[in-house]
Amino acid sequence: DSDMENRLEKMINQFAFPDGNIRKLKCKDAFEIAKKIGVPIGSIGNYCNRNHIKIASCQLGCFK
């Protein structure tokens, strides 16, 4: 729903940071946002993909 999307956008924008021409979100911050808002971590990933935000400092070592 749009309220959830607005909350998600606000939280991600608080944590996302610029790195050259792209924006990044640390993996640990993605998990924290998902927990605070009560959405699956996949929702955070989908939002980031749609908005060209890269995941950084992956806890699994998948992304740097």
PDB file of N, CA and C in Angstrom:
ATOM      1  N   ASP A   1       0.827  -1.191   0.000  1.00  0.00           N
ATOM      2  CA  ASP A   1       0.000   0.000   0.000  1.00  0.00           C
ATOM      3  C   ASP A   1       0.866   1.248   0.000  1.00  0.00           C
ATOM      4  N   SER A   2       0.292   2.376  -0.345  1.00  0.00           N
ATOM      5  CA  SER A   2       1.085   3.598  -0.533  1.00  0.00           C
ATOM      6  C   SER A   2       1.669   4.119   0.777  1.00  0.00           C
ATOM      7  N   ASP A   3       0.973   3.914   1.910  1.00  0.00           N
ATOM      8  CA  ASP A   3       1.518   4.355   3.195  1.00  0.00           C
ATOM      9  C   ASP A   3       2.794   3.583   3.522  1.00  0.00           C
ATOM     10  N   MET A   4       2.762   2.274   3.278  1.00  0.00           N
ATOM     11  CA  MET A   4       3.938   1.441   3.527  1.00  0.00           C
ATOM     12  C   MET A   4       5.074   1.851   2.599  1.00  0.00           C
ATOM     13  N   GLU A   5       4.761   2.110   1.349  1.00  0.00           N
ATOM     14  CA  GLU A   5       5.777   2.539   0.376  1.00  0.00           C
ATOM     15  C   GLU A   5       6.394   3.870   0.807  1.00  0.00           C
ATOM     16  N   ASN A   6       5.587   4.788   1.317  1.00  0.00           N
ATOM     17  CA  ASN A   6       6.101   6.079   1.789  1.00  0.00           C
ATOM     18  C   ASN A   6       7.027   5.902   2.985  1.00  0.00           C
ATOM     19  N   ARG A   7       6.645   5.037   3.921  1.00  0.00           N
ATOM     20  CA  ARG A   7       7.488   4.771   5.090  1.00  0.00           C
ATOM     21  C   ARG A   7       8.801   4.127   4.665  1.00  0.00           C
ATOM     22  N   LEU A   8       8.704   3.195   3.734  1.00  0.00           N
ATOM     23  CA  LEU A   8       9.883   2.516   3.213  1.00  0.00           C
ATOM     24  C   LEU A   8      10.824   3.514   2.544  1.00  0.00           C
ATOM     25  N   GLU A   9      10.269   4.360   1.701  1.00  0.00           N
ATOM     26  CA  GLU A   9      11.067   5.375   1.004  1.00  0.00           C
ATOM     27  C   GLU A   9      11.761   6.302   1.996  1.00  0.00           C
ATOM     28  N   LYS A  10      11.034   6.758   2.996  1.00  0.00           N
ATOM     29  CA  LYS A  10      11.595   7.682   3.986  1.00  0.00           C
ATOM     30  C   LYS A  10      12.754   7.035   4.741  1.00  0.00           C
ATOM     31  N   MET A  11      12.564   5.791   5.185  1.00  0.00           N
ATOM     32  CA  MET A  11      13.613   5.098   5.932  1.00  0.00           C
ATOM     33  C   MET A  11      14.842   4.841   5.060  1.00  0.00           C
ATOM     34  N   ILE A  12      14.629   4.376   3.853  1.00  0.00           N
ATOM     35  CA  ILE A  12      15.764   4.089   2.972  1.00  0.00           C
ATOM     36  C   ILE A  12      16.520   5.369   2.656  1.00  0.00           C
ATOM     37  N   ASN A  13      15.814   6.450   2.418  1.00  0.00           N
ATOM     38  CA  ASN A  13      16.483   7.717   2.120  1.00  0.00           C
ATOM     39  C   ASN A  13      17.288   8.239   3.303  1.00  0.00           C
ATOM     40  N   GLN A  14      16.900   7.869   4.522  1.00  0.00           N
ATOM     41  CA  GLN A  14      17.678   8.267   5.700  1.00  0.00           C
ATOM     42  C   GLN A  14      19.015   7.537   5.752  1.00  0.00           C
ATOM     43  N   PHE A  15      19.033   6.286   5.280  1.00  0.00           N
ATOM     44  CA  PHE A  15      20.228   5.458   5.389  1.00  0.00           C
ATOM     45  C   PHE A  15      21.067   5.388   4.117  1.00  0.00           C
ATOM     46  N   ALA A  16      20.463   5.607   2.965  1.00  0.00           N
ATOM     47  CA  ALA A  16      21.202   5.517   1.699  1.00  0.00           C
ATOM     48  C   ALA A  16      22.230   6.640   1.617  1.00  0.00           C
ATOM     49  N   PHE A  17      23.355   6.337   0.994  1.00  0.00           N
ATOM     50  CA  PHE A  17      24.417   7.331   0.886  1.00  0.00           C
ATOM     51  C   PHE A  17      24.964   7.356  -0.540  1.00  0.00           C
ATOM     52  N   PRO A  18      25.466   8.518  -0.970  1.00  0.00           N
ATOM     53  CA  PRO A  18      26.023   8.611  -2.321  1.00  0.00           C
ATOM     54  C   PRO A  18      27.417   7.987  -2.378  1.00  0.00           C
ATOM     55  N   ASP A  19      27.727   7.378  -3.497  1.00  0.00           N
ATOM     56  CA  ASP A  19      29.064   6.850  -3.768  1.00  0.00           C
ATOM     57  C   ASP A  19      29.325   7.111  -5.244  1.00  0.00           C
ATOM     58  N   GLY A  20      29.939   8.233  -5.519  1.00  0.00           N
ATOM     59  CA  GLY A  20      30.102   8.650  -6.910  1.00  0.00           C
ATOM     60  C   GLY A  20      28.744   9.013  -7.477  1.00  0.00           C
ATOM     61  N   ASN A  21      28.390   8.391  -8.596  1.00  0.00           N
ATOM     62  CA  ASN A  21      27.119   8.697  -9.258  1.00  0.00           C
ATOM     63  C   ASN A  21      25.970   7.799  -8.822  1.00  0.00           C
ATOM     64  N   ILE A  22      26.232   6.892  -7.886  1.00  0.00           N
ATOM     65  CA  ILE A  22      25.174   5.975  -7.461  1.00  0.00           C
ATOM     66  C   ILE A  22      24.901   6.114  -5.964  1.00  0.00           C
ATOM     67  N   ARG A  23      23.719   5.641  -5.567  1.00  0.00           N
ATOM     68  CA  ARG A  23      23.371   5.629  -4.145  1.00  0.00           C
ATOM     69  C   ARG A  23      23.486   4.197  -3.652  1.00  0.00           C
ATOM     70  N   LYS A  24      23.905   4.055  -2.404  1.00  0.00           N
ATOM     71  CA  LYS A  24      24.074   2.732  -1.820  1.00  0.00           C
ATOM     72  C   LYS A  24      23.371   2.656  -0.470  1.00  0.00           C
ATOM     73  N   LEU A  25      23.025   1.437  -0.102  1.00  0.00           N
ATOM     74  CA  LEU A  25      22.416   1.152   1.190  1.00  0.00           C
ATOM     75  C   LEU A  25      23.160  -0.035   1.774  1.00  0.00           C
ATOM     76  N   LYS A  26      23.674   0.122   2.987  1.00  0.00           N
ATOM     77  CA  LYS A  26      24.385  -0.985   3.619  1.00  0.00           C
ATOM     78  C   LYS A  26      23.413  -2.116   3.922  1.00  0.00           C
ATOM     79  N   CYS A  27      23.903  -3.327   3.741  1.00  0.00           N
ATOM     80  CA  CYS A  27      23.100  -4.525   3.962  1.00  0.00           C
ATOM     81  C   CYS A  27      22.500  -4.534   5.372  1.00  0.00           C
ATOM     82  N   LYS A  28      23.309  -4.231   6.381  1.00  0.00           N
ATOM     83  CA  LYS A  28      22.799  -4.242   7.755  1.00  0.00           C
ATOM     84  C   LYS A  28      21.687  -3.220   7.943  1.00  0.00           C
ATOM     85  N   ASP A  29      21.776  -2.091   7.247  1.00  0.00           N
ATOM     86  CA  ASP A  29      20.718  -1.082   7.325  1.00  0.00           C
ATOM     87  C   ASP A  29      19.445  -1.582   6.651  1.00  0.00           C
ATOM     88  N   ALA A  30      19.594  -2.322   5.557  1.00  0.00           N
ATOM     89  CA  ALA A  30      18.425  -2.891   4.875  1.00  0.00           C
ATOM     90  C   ALA A  30      17.675  -3.835   5.810  1.00  0.00           C
ATOM     91  N   PHE A  31      18.410  -4.687   6.524  1.00  0.00           N
ATOM     92  CA  PHE A  31      17.776  -5.607   7.474  1.00  0.00           C
ATOM     93  C   PHE A  31      17.107  -4.847   8.616  1.00  0.00           C
ATOM     94  N   GLU A  32      17.754  -3.798   9.097  1.00  0.00           N
ATOM     95  CA  GLU A  32      17.191  -2.997  10.191  1.00  0.00           C
ATOM     96  C   GLU A  32      15.903  -2.304   9.756  1.00  0.00           C
ATOM     97  N   ILE A  33      15.897  -1.750   8.553  1.00  0.00           N
ATOM     98  CA  ILE A  33      14.697  -1.089   8.022  1.00  0.00           C
ATOM     99  C   ILE A  33      13.559  -2.093   7.901  1.00  0.00           C
ATOM    100  N   ALA A  34      13.852  -3.264   7.349  1.00  0.00           N
ATOM    101  CA  ALA A  34      12.820  -4.298   7.195  1.00  0.00           C
ATOM    102  C   ALA A  34      12.222  -4.671   8.547  1.00  0.00           C
ATOM    103  N   LYS A  35      13.075  -4.803   9.544  1.00  0.00           N
ATOM    104  CA  LYS A  35      12.612  -5.158  10.891  1.00  0.00           C
ATOM    105  C   LYS A  35      11.749  -4.049  11.490  1.00  0.00           C
ATOM    106  N   LYS A  36      12.203  -2.800  11.374  1.00  0.00           N
ATOM    107  CA  LYS A  36      11.464  -1.664  11.949  1.00  0.00           C
ATOM    108  C   LYS A  36      10.098  -1.480  11.303  1.00  0.00           C
ATOM    109  N   ILE A  37      10.042  -1.627   9.993  1.00  0.00           N
ATOM    110  CA  ILE A  37       8.792  -1.394   9.270  1.00  0.00           C
ATOM    111  C   ILE A  37       7.903  -2.637   9.277  1.00  0.00           C
ATOM    112  N   GLY A  38       8.527  -3.807   9.427  1.00  0.00           N
ATOM    113  CA  GLY A  38       7.764  -5.049   9.433  1.00  0.00           C
ATOM    114  C   GLY A  38       7.461  -5.585   8.050  1.00  0.00           C
ATOM    115  N   VAL A  39       8.454  -5.462   7.157  1.00  0.00           N
ATOM    116  CA  VAL A  39       8.300  -5.989   5.797  1.00  0.00           C
ATOM    117  C   VAL A  39       9.390  -7.029   5.547  1.00  0.00           C
ATOM    118  N   PRO A  40       9.176  -7.942   4.603  1.00  0.00           N
ATOM    119  CA  PRO A  40      10.232  -8.900   4.256  1.00  0.00           C
ATOM    120  C   PRO A  40      11.439  -8.177   3.663  1.00  0.00           C
ATOM    121  N   ILE A  41      12.619  -8.727   3.890  1.00  0.00           N
ATOM    122  CA  ILE A  41      13.838  -8.109   3.361  1.00  0.00           C
ATOM    123  C   ILE A  41      13.777  -7.986   1.843  1.00  0.00           C
ATOM    124  N   GLY A  42      13.062  -8.885   1.187  1.00  0.00           N
ATOM    125  CA  GLY A  42      12.905  -8.808  -0.263  1.00  0.00           C
ATOM    126  C   GLY A  42      12.225  -7.530  -0.716  1.00  0.00           C
ATOM    127  N   SER A  43      11.346  -6.988   0.118  1.00  0.00           N
ATOM    128  CA  SER A  43      10.685  -5.716  -0.212  1.00  0.00           C
ATOM    129  C   SER A  43      11.695  -4.581  -0.273  1.00  0.00           C
ATOM    130  N   ILE A  44      12.674  -4.632   0.610  1.00  0.00           N
ATOM    131  CA  ILE A  44      13.731  -3.616   0.597  1.00  0.00           C
ATOM    132  C   ILE A  44      14.541  -3.755  -0.693  1.00  0.00           C
ATOM    133  N   GLY A  45      14.903  -4.983  -1.033  1.00  0.00           N
ATOM    134  CA  GLY A  45      15.651  -5.234  -2.268  1.00  0.00           C
ATOM    135  C   GLY A  45      14.893  -4.793  -3.501  1.00  0.00           C
ATOM    136  N   ASN A  46      13.601  -5.090  -3.548  1.00  0.00           N
ATOM    137  CA  ASN A  46      12.781  -4.671  -4.694  1.00  0.00           C
ATOM    138  C   ASN A  46      12.736  -3.157  -4.814  1.00  0.00           C
ATOM    139  N   TYR A  47      12.542  -2.467  -3.686  1.00  0.00           N
ATOM    140  CA  TYR A  47      12.509  -0.999  -3.706  1.00  0.00           C
ATOM    141  C   TYR A  47      13.850  -0.464  -4.228  1.00  0.00           C
ATOM    142  N   CYS A  48      14.945  -1.011  -3.699  1.00  0.00           N
ATOM    143  CA  CYS A  48      16.266  -0.548  -4.124  1.00  0.00           C
ATOM    144  C   CYS A  48      16.490  -0.796  -5.614  1.00  0.00           C
ATOM    145  N   ASN A  49      16.081  -1.956  -6.109  1.00  0.00           N
ATOM    146  CA  ASN A  49      16.218  -2.236  -7.544  1.00  0.00           C
ATOM    147  C   ASN A  49      15.431  -1.241  -8.384  1.00  0.00           C
ATOM    148  N   ARG A  50      14.194  -0.967  -7.993  1.00  0.00           N
ATOM    149  CA  ARG A  50      13.353  -0.024  -8.749  1.00  0.00           C
ATOM    150  C   ARG A  50      13.912   1.391  -8.734  1.00  0.00           C
ATOM    151  N   ASN A  51      14.642   1.738  -7.668  1.00  0.00           N
ATOM    152  CA  ASN A  51      15.126   3.105  -7.497  1.00  0.00           C
ATOM    153  C   ASN A  51      16.638   3.233  -7.674  1.00  0.00           C
ATOM    154  N   HIS A  52      17.246   2.206  -8.277  1.00  0.00           N
ATOM    155  CA  HIS A  52      18.673   2.236  -8.628  1.00  0.00           C
ATOM    156  C   HIS A  52      19.567   2.501  -7.416  1.00  0.00           C
ATOM    157  N   ILE A  53      19.245   1.864  -6.299  1.00  0.00           N
ATOM    158  CA  ILE A  53      20.064   1.941  -5.092  1.00  0.00           C
ATOM    159  C   ILE A  53      20.768   0.596  -4.949  1.00  0.00           C
ATOM    160  N   LYS A  54      22.083   0.620  -4.852  1.00  0.00           N
ATOM    161  CA  LYS A  54      22.877  -0.606  -4.749  1.00  0.00           C
ATOM    162  C   LYS A  54      23.036  -1.003  -3.282  1.00  0.00           C
ATOM    163  N   ILE A  55      23.073  -2.315  -3.032  1.00  0.00           N
ATOM    164  CA  ILE A  55      23.337  -2.813  -1.688  1.00  0.00           C
ATOM    165  C   ILE A  55      24.848  -2.864  -1.495  1.00  0.00           C
ATOM    166  N   ALA A  56      25.324  -2.350  -0.357  1.00  0.00           N
ATOM    167  CA  ALA A  56      26.755  -2.296  -0.063  1.00  0.00           C
ATOM    168  C   ALA A  56      27.043  -3.044   1.238  1.00  0.00           C
ATOM    169  N   SER A  57      28.282  -3.447   1.403  1.00  0.00           N
ATOM    170  CA  SER A  57      28.732  -4.112   2.633  1.00  0.00           C
ATOM    171  C   SER A  57      27.848  -5.300   2.979  1.00  0.00           C
ATOM    172  N   CYS A  58      27.634  -6.158   2.001  1.00  0.00           N
ATOM    173  CA  CYS A  58      26.761  -7.324   2.172  1.00  0.00           C
ATOM    174  C   CYS A  58      27.289  -8.226   3.281  1.00  0.00           C
ATOM    175  N   GLN A  59      26.419  -8.615   4.167  1.00  0.00           N
ATOM    176  CA  GLN A  59      26.801  -9.480   5.278  1.00  0.00           C
ATOM    177  C   GLN A  59      27.147 -10.891   4.813  1.00  0.00           C
ATOM    178  N   LEU A  60      26.690 -11.278   3.631  1.00  0.00           N
ATOM    179  CA  LEU A  60      27.002 -12.592   3.078  1.00  0.00           C
ATOM    180  C   LEU A  60      28.220 -12.560   2.162  1.00  0.00           C
ATOM    181  N   GLY A  61      28.724 -11.365   1.880  1.00  0.00           N
ATOM    182  CA  GLY A  61      29.867 -11.226   0.995  1.00  0.00           C
ATOM    183  C   GLY A  61      29.516 -11.192  -0.483  1.00  0.00           C
ATOM    184  N   CYS A  62      28.234 -11.048  -0.798  1.00  0.00           N
ATOM    185  CA  CYS A  62      27.800 -11.028  -2.201  1.00  0.00           C
ATOM    186  C   CYS A  62      28.074  -9.691  -2.876  1.00  0.00           C
ATOM    187  N   PHE A  63      27.962  -8.608  -2.124  1.00  0.00           N
ATOM    188  CA  PHE A  63      28.163  -7.259  -2.665  1.00  0.00           C
ATOM    189  C   PHE A  63      29.176  -6.546  -1.788  1.00  0.00           C
ATOM    190  N   LYS A  64      29.984  -5.693  -2.410  1.00  0.00           N
ATOM    191  CA  LYS A  64      31.003  -4.972  -1.635  1.00  0.00           C
ATOM    192  C   LYS A  64      30.562  -3.579  -1.296  1.00  0.00           C
TER     193      LYS A  64
END
